[in-house]
Amino acid sequence: MLKLPPPVWALVYVLIAAAISWPLDWPKMPGFPLPPLGIALVTVPWILPVWAIIMFRREGTEINPTSPTNSKLITIVFVAVPDPVGSKLVASLARPGANITGFSNMASNLTAKRVELLKEIVPGLSRAALLVNLSDAPGAEKYIEEGEIAARHLGLSLQPIGVRGANEIEGAFSKMSEDQLQGVVVTVDGLFYAQKERIAALALKHRLPTVVYSRETLEAGALMSYGPNQVTMFKRAAGYVDRILKGEKPADIPVDQPTTFELIVNLKTAKALSLTISPTLLARADEVIE
């Protein structure tokens, strides 16, 4: 058990709870997308011996490492940022540099694994979609490259379908239907998390089996998820805060990447899509929602 004074534990857990449950439509702010609770900690520095902020990327926000918020006085522990190096948030995963470190929710070959699972779960799959957010160009390019390599290996045609905002998602699913695509892999992005219920509803409307990246996006109504446990990441962020409060420099604490992943299958959605999930796949699943 980490040894922190009770007031610090309270603040850490409040921040984690706020990060998990804060409404996803709060007003956009320049620089790092911090909710008002985070701003309160910045403006009242005597609450903590070290200023520590749990932050993560929200819908439609751009991470800006040169933001005034990112000063030498503020220690930032980020959570669930897909590509911190590509977004120039850190210098490298091993040595983040400056005053920032945290947890990425992206690991190599995860997109490929989701494409593989879609192929396994949809009989006769030959054409699939990869939903990407074009507003995050480096991330979209990485997902597309990894997905296409997997698709070639599996003998699939994978069609990237890009959007730049929530207003384009419905059109994206209409295009998938028009192009007679047979399923969709949703990439990791704050936009798609914020729109998870809408994406699940559109997938059902167009009869498209959907593989997503987290329990939360699955519970919105997707067919299957494969990825790290997001809540566990937020809990582990408290450990990084503890280490920093005890004197470690964030620049020397490597960015953590997930190494364990959970496979969850939604049988309610499978039934709605008239899909039969093989007993072998169900036996491999970490959890089955009925």
Protein backbone atom coordinates (compact mmCIF):
# COMPACT_ATOMS: atom_id res chain seq x y z
CA MET A 1 0.00 0.00 0.00
CA LEU A 2 1.32 3.42 -0.94
CA LYS A 3 2.09 5.62 2.06
CA LEU A 4 0.59 9.04 1.41
CA PRO A 5 -0.94 11.46 3.91
CA PRO A 6 -4.74 11.14 3.93
CA PRO A 7 -5.32 14.60 2.37
CA VAL A 8 -3.07 13.68 -0.58
CA TRP A 9 -4.79 10.31 -1.08
CA ALA A 10 -8.13 12.11 -1.02
CA LEU A 11 -7.05 14.56 -3.68
CA VAL A 12 -5.55 11.84 -5.86
CA TYR A 13 -8.72 9.77 -5.73
CA VAL A 14 -10.93 12.81 -6.31
CA LEU A 15 -8.89 13.59 -9.40
CA ILE A 16 -9.15 10.01 -10.62
CA ALA A 17 -12.91 9.99 -10.03
CA ALA A 18 -13.24 13.30 -11.84
CA ALA A 19 -11.20 12.00 -14.76
CA ILE A 20 -13.40 8.93 -15.08
CA SER A 21 -16.79 10.55 -14.57
CA TRP A 22 -16.42 14.17 -15.70
CA PRO A 23 -18.96 15.04 -18.45
CA LEU A 24 -17.38 14.72 -21.87
CA ASP A 25 -18.96 17.90 -23.24
CA TRP A 26 -17.38 20.40 -20.89
CA PRO A 27 -16.17 23.57 -22.67
CA LYS A 28 -12.94 23.39 -24.65
CA MET A 29 -9.97 25.12 -23.04
CA PRO A 30 -6.64 26.14 -24.55
CA GLY A 31 -3.62 23.92 -23.99
CA PHE A 32 -4.09 20.88 -21.81
CA PRO A 33 -7.75 19.91 -21.49
CA LEU A 34 -8.04 20.18 -17.72
CA PRO A 35 -11.44 20.23 -16.01
CA PRO A 36 -12.10 22.96 -13.42
CA LEU A 37 -10.98 20.65 -10.59
CA GLY A 38 -7.53 20.40 -12.17
CA ILE A 39 -7.39 24.16 -12.59
CA ALA A 40 -8.26 24.54 -8.89
CA LEU A 41 -5.20 22.49 -7.95
CA VAL A 42 -3.02 24.59 -10.21
CA THR A 43 -4.26 27.85 -8.73
CA VAL A 44 -4.08 26.63 -5.11
CA PRO A 45 -0.57 25.11 -5.06
CA TRP A 46 -0.25 24.88 -1.28
CA ILE A 47 -2.73 21.98 -1.26
CA LEU A 48 0.01 19.65 -2.48
CA PRO A 49 3.77 19.70 -1.81
CA VAL A 50 4.20 18.93 -5.49
CA TRP A 51 1.66 20.04 -8.05
CA ALA A 52 0.35 16.85 -9.58
CA ILE A 53 -2.43 16.69 -12.13
CA ILE A 54 -4.13 13.60 -13.49
CA MET A 55 -5.03 14.50 -17.06
CA PHE A 56 -6.11 12.76 -20.21
CA ARG A 57 -7.16 13.61 -23.73
CA ARG A 58 -10.73 14.61 -24.44
CA GLU A 59 -12.86 14.78 -27.56
CA GLY A 60 -11.57 17.23 -30.14
CA THR A 61 -8.68 18.52 -28.02
CA GLU A 62 -5.11 18.93 -29.17
CA ILE A 63 -2.32 18.24 -26.72
CA ASN A 64 -0.07 21.27 -26.66
CA PRO A 65 3.28 20.69 -24.91
CA THR A 66 4.11 24.41 -25.10
CA SER A 67 0.96 25.44 -23.26
CA PRO A 68 1.45 27.81 -20.31
CA THR A 69 -0.11 25.05 -18.22
CA ASN A 70 2.95 22.92 -18.99
CA SER A 71 5.39 24.95 -16.93
CA LYS A 72 8.36 23.89 -14.84
CA LEU A 73 6.27 24.37 -11.71
CA ILE A 74 3.65 21.78 -12.61
CA THR A 75 4.15 18.04 -12.59
CA ILE A 76 1.78 16.28 -14.96
CA VAL A 77 0.81 12.62 -14.82
CA PHE A 78 -1.21 11.82 -17.93
CA VAL A 79 -3.47 8.81 -18.37
CA ALA A 80 -4.87 7.06 -21.46
CA VAL A 81 -2.96 9.07 -24.07
CA PRO A 82 -2.61 6.84 -27.16
CA ASP A 83 0.65 8.16 -28.63
CA PRO A 84 2.51 10.52 -26.28
CA VAL A 85 5.65 10.50 -28.43
CA GLY A 86 3.83 11.12 -31.73
CA SER A 87 1.83 13.93 -30.13
CA LYS A 88 5.12 15.42 -28.86
CA LEU A 89 3.95 15.25 -25.28
CA VAL A 90 7.15 13.41 -24.26
CA ALA A 91 10.58 13.05 -25.82
CA SER A 92 10.55 9.25 -25.56
CA LEU A 93 8.76 6.52 -23.64
CA ALA A 94 11.89 5.54 -21.73
CA ARG A 95 12.88 9.10 -20.79
CA PRO A 96 9.91 11.46 -21.08
CA GLY A 97 11.94 14.58 -20.31
CA ALA A 98 10.74 17.85 -18.76
CA ASN A 99 8.07 17.56 -16.07
CA ILE A 100 5.67 15.02 -17.48
CA THR A 101 5.13 11.27 -17.50
CA GLY A 102 2.20 8.89 -17.33
CA PHE A 103 0.34 6.05 -18.97
CA SER A 104 -0.33 5.31 -22.62
CA ASN A 105 -3.25 3.07 -23.58
CA MET A 106 -1.63 2.04 -26.87
CA ALA A 107 0.72 -0.89 -27.42
CA SER A 108 2.15 -2.36 -30.59
CA ASN A 109 -0.06 -4.72 -32.60
CA LEU A 110 -3.29 -3.95 -30.74
CA THR A 111 -4.99 -2.69 -33.90
CA ALA A 112 -3.78 -5.81 -35.72
CA LYS A 113 -5.22 -8.01 -32.95
CA ARG A 114 -8.60 -6.28 -33.18
CA VAL A 115 -8.67 -6.81 -36.95
CA GLU A 116 -7.83 -10.47 -36.36
CA LEU A 117 -10.66 -10.80 -33.82
CA LEU A 118 -13.14 -9.22 -36.24
CA LYS A 119 -12.11 -11.76 -38.87
CA GLU A 120 -12.58 -14.55 -36.34
CA ILE A 121 -15.99 -13.45 -35.16
CA VAL A 122 -17.63 -12.60 -38.52
CA PRO A 123 -18.09 -15.61 -40.83
CA GLY A 124 -16.81 -14.99 -44.35
CA LEU A 125 -15.42 -11.54 -43.55
CA SER A 126 -13.60 -10.12 -46.58
CA ARG A 127 -14.13 -6.33 -46.34
CA ALA A 128 -13.91 -4.32 -43.15
CA ALA A 129 -13.68 -0.70 -42.01
CA LEU A 130 -11.15 0.97 -39.73
CA LEU A 131 -12.66 4.04 -38.05
CA VAL A 132 -10.00 6.72 -37.44
CA ASN A 133 -9.97 10.34 -36.30
CA LEU A 134 -8.20 12.37 -38.98
CA SER A 135 -7.80 15.29 -36.59
CA ASP A 136 -5.05 13.23 -34.96
CA ALA A 137 -3.01 12.65 -38.12
CA PRO A 138 -0.02 10.84 -36.51
CA GLY A 139 -2.31 8.50 -34.60
CA ALA A 140 -4.53 7.82 -37.61
CA GLU A 141 -1.52 7.03 -39.80
CA LYS A 142 -0.15 4.59 -37.21
CA TYR A 143 -3.48 2.80 -36.83
CA ILE A 144 -3.97 2.56 -40.60
CA GLU A 145 -0.47 1.22 -41.20
CA GLU A 146 -0.80 -1.43 -38.51
CA GLY A 147 -4.32 -2.38 -39.56
CA GLU A 148 -3.43 -2.74 -43.23
CA ILE A 149 -0.47 -5.00 -42.47
CA ALA A 150 -2.75 -7.26 -40.45
CA ALA A 151 -5.44 -7.20 -43.14
CA ARG A 152 -2.99 -8.26 -45.87
CA HIS A 153 -1.81 -11.12 -43.69
CA LEU A 154 -5.42 -12.23 -43.15
CA GLY A 155 -6.45 -11.79 -46.78
CA LEU A 156 -8.83 -8.94 -45.96
CA SER A 157 -9.59 -5.62 -47.59
CA LEU A 158 -9.43 -2.98 -44.83
CA GLN A 159 -10.88 0.41 -45.72
CA PRO A 160 -9.94 3.37 -43.48
CA ILE A 161 -12.96 5.56 -42.78
CA GLY A 162 -11.90 8.93 -41.41
CA VAL A 163 -13.82 11.59 -39.52
CA ARG A 164 -12.78 14.92 -38.05
CA GLY A 165 -15.59 15.44 -35.56
CA ALA A 166 -18.76 14.03 -34.05
CA ASN A 167 -20.88 15.51 -36.83
CA GLU A 168 -19.21 13.21 -39.38
CA ILE A 169 -19.73 9.90 -37.58
CA GLU A 170 -23.22 9.18 -38.93
CA GLY A 171 -22.00 9.79 -42.48
CA ALA A 172 -19.05 7.50 -41.88
CA PHE A 173 -21.35 4.60 -40.98
CA SER A 174 -23.58 5.34 -43.96
CA LYS A 175 -20.50 5.06 -46.17
CA MET A 176 -19.55 1.73 -44.58
CA SER A 177 -23.01 0.45 -45.43
CA GLU A 178 -22.92 1.84 -48.97
CA ASP A 179 -19.51 0.25 -49.57
CA GLN A 180 -20.87 -3.07 -48.28
CA LEU A 181 -18.30 -3.38 -45.53
CA GLN A 182 -18.97 -6.26 -43.16
CA GLY A 183 -17.57 -5.00 -39.86
CA VAL A 184 -15.63 -2.18 -38.24
CA VAL A 185 -12.66 -1.80 -35.91
CA VAL A 186 -12.82 1.41 -33.87
CA THR A 187 -9.42 2.92 -33.05
CA VAL A 188 -8.46 4.45 -29.70
CA ASP A 189 -9.46 8.11 -29.60
CA GLY A 190 -11.16 10.53 -27.21
CA LEU A 191 -13.70 11.43 -29.88
CA PHE A 192 -14.82 7.82 -30.24
CA TYR A 193 -14.95 7.37 -26.47
CA ALA A 194 -17.17 10.43 -26.14
CA GLN A 195 -19.40 9.13 -28.94
CA LYS A 196 -19.39 5.47 -27.86
CA GLU A 197 -23.17 5.16 -27.44
CA ARG A 198 -23.79 6.79 -30.80
CA ILE A 199 -21.23 4.58 -32.53
CA ALA A 200 -22.77 1.45 -31.01
CA ALA A 201 -26.27 2.51 -32.10
CA LEU A 202 -25.13 3.28 -35.64
CA ALA A 203 -23.28 -0.03 -35.86
CA LEU A 204 -26.47 -1.89 -34.91
CA LYS A 205 -28.55 0.20 -37.30
CA HIS A 206 -26.23 -0.70 -40.19
CA ARG A 207 -25.76 -4.31 -38.99
CA LEU A 208 -22.01 -3.87 -38.55
CA PRO A 209 -20.17 -6.01 -35.97
CA THR A 210 -17.83 -3.68 -34.07
CA VAL A 211 -14.57 -4.36 -32.25
CA VAL A 212 -13.60 -1.61 -29.80
CA TYR A 213 -10.77 -1.04 -27.35
CA SER A 214 -12.13 -0.94 -23.79
CA ARG A 215 -14.78 -2.23 -21.44
CA GLU A 216 -16.45 1.20 -21.37
CA THR A 217 -16.79 1.37 -25.16
CA LEU A 218 -18.04 -2.22 -25.23
CA GLU A 219 -20.69 -1.62 -22.57
CA ALA A 220 -22.12 1.14 -24.74
CA GLY A 221 -23.27 -1.65 -27.11
CA ALA A 222 -20.32 -2.80 -29.22
CA LEU A 223 -19.80 -6.49 -30.00
CA MET A 224 -16.31 -7.10 -28.68
CA SER A 225 -13.47 -5.24 -27.00
CA TYR A 226 -9.78 -5.98 -26.68
CA GLY A 227 -7.45 -3.73 -24.76
CA PRO A 228 -6.06 -2.66 -21.40
CA ASN A 229 -8.27 -1.98 -18.40
CA GLN A 230 -8.73 1.79 -18.36
CA VAL A 231 -9.80 2.03 -14.72
CA THR A 232 -6.70 0.13 -13.63
CA MET A 233 -4.57 2.70 -15.44
CA PHE A 234 -6.15 5.56 -13.51
CA LYS A 235 -5.62 3.72 -10.23
CA ARG A 236 -1.97 3.07 -11.09
CA ALA A 237 -1.51 6.77 -11.81
CA ALA A 238 -1.74 7.32 -8.06
CA GLY A 239 1.50 5.33 -7.74
CA TYR A 240 3.28 7.72 -10.11
CA VAL A 241 1.99 10.67 -8.10
CA ASP A 242 3.32 9.00 -4.95
CA ARG A 243 6.77 8.51 -6.48
CA ILE A 244 6.93 12.14 -7.60
CA LEU A 245 5.80 13.40 -4.20
CA LYS A 246 8.65 11.37 -2.68
CA GLY A 247 11.21 13.14 -4.85
CA GLU A 248 11.54 11.25 -8.14
CA LYS A 249 11.73 13.37 -11.27
CA PRO A 250 8.96 12.72 -13.80
CA ALA A 251 11.54 13.07 -16.57
CA ASP A 252 13.18 9.88 -15.26
CA ILE A 253 9.99 7.83 -14.83
CA PRO A 254 9.27 5.90 -18.05
CA VAL A 255 5.87 6.21 -19.69
CA ASP A 256 4.00 3.03 -18.89
CA GLN A 257 2.51 1.00 -21.73
CA PRO A 258 -0.04 -1.76 -21.16
CA THR A 259 1.17 -5.34 -21.15
CA THR A 260 -2.00 -7.15 -20.11
CA PHE A 261 -5.24 -6.98 -22.06
CA GLU A 262 -8.79 -8.16 -21.58
CA LEU A 263 -11.06 -9.70 -24.18
CA ILE A 264 -14.76 -9.05 -23.54
CA VAL A 265 -17.67 -10.30 -25.66
CA ASN A 266 -21.15 -8.79 -25.66
CA LEU A 267 -23.62 -11.61 -26.33
CA LYS A 268 -26.57 -9.20 -26.24
CA THR A 269 -25.13 -7.39 -29.25
CA ALA A 270 -24.22 -10.69 -30.95
CA LYS A 271 -27.84 -11.78 -30.63
CA ALA A 272 -29.07 -8.45 -32.05
CA LEU A 273 -26.75 -8.97 -35.03
CA SER A 274 -27.78 -12.64 -35.40
CA LEU A 275 -24.18 -13.72 -34.86
CA THR A 276 -23.17 -16.99 -33.22
CA ILE A 277 -19.96 -16.72 -31.23
CA SER A 278 -17.86 -19.87 -31.28
CA PRO A 279 -17.43 -21.72 -27.96
CA THR A 280 -13.66 -21.53 -28.47
CA LEU A 281 -13.71 -17.73 -28.57
CA LEU A 282 -16.07 -17.53 -25.62
CA ALA A 283 -13.73 -19.77 -23.62
CA ARG A 284 -10.84 -17.38 -24.34
CA ALA A 285 -12.80 -14.32 -23.29
CA ASP A 286 -12.01 -12.73 -19.93
CA GLU A 287 -15.64 -11.76 -19.59
CA VAL A 288 -18.90 -12.42 -21.44
CA ILE A 289 -21.77 -9.97 -21.12
CA GLU A 290 -25.16 -11.65 -21.47
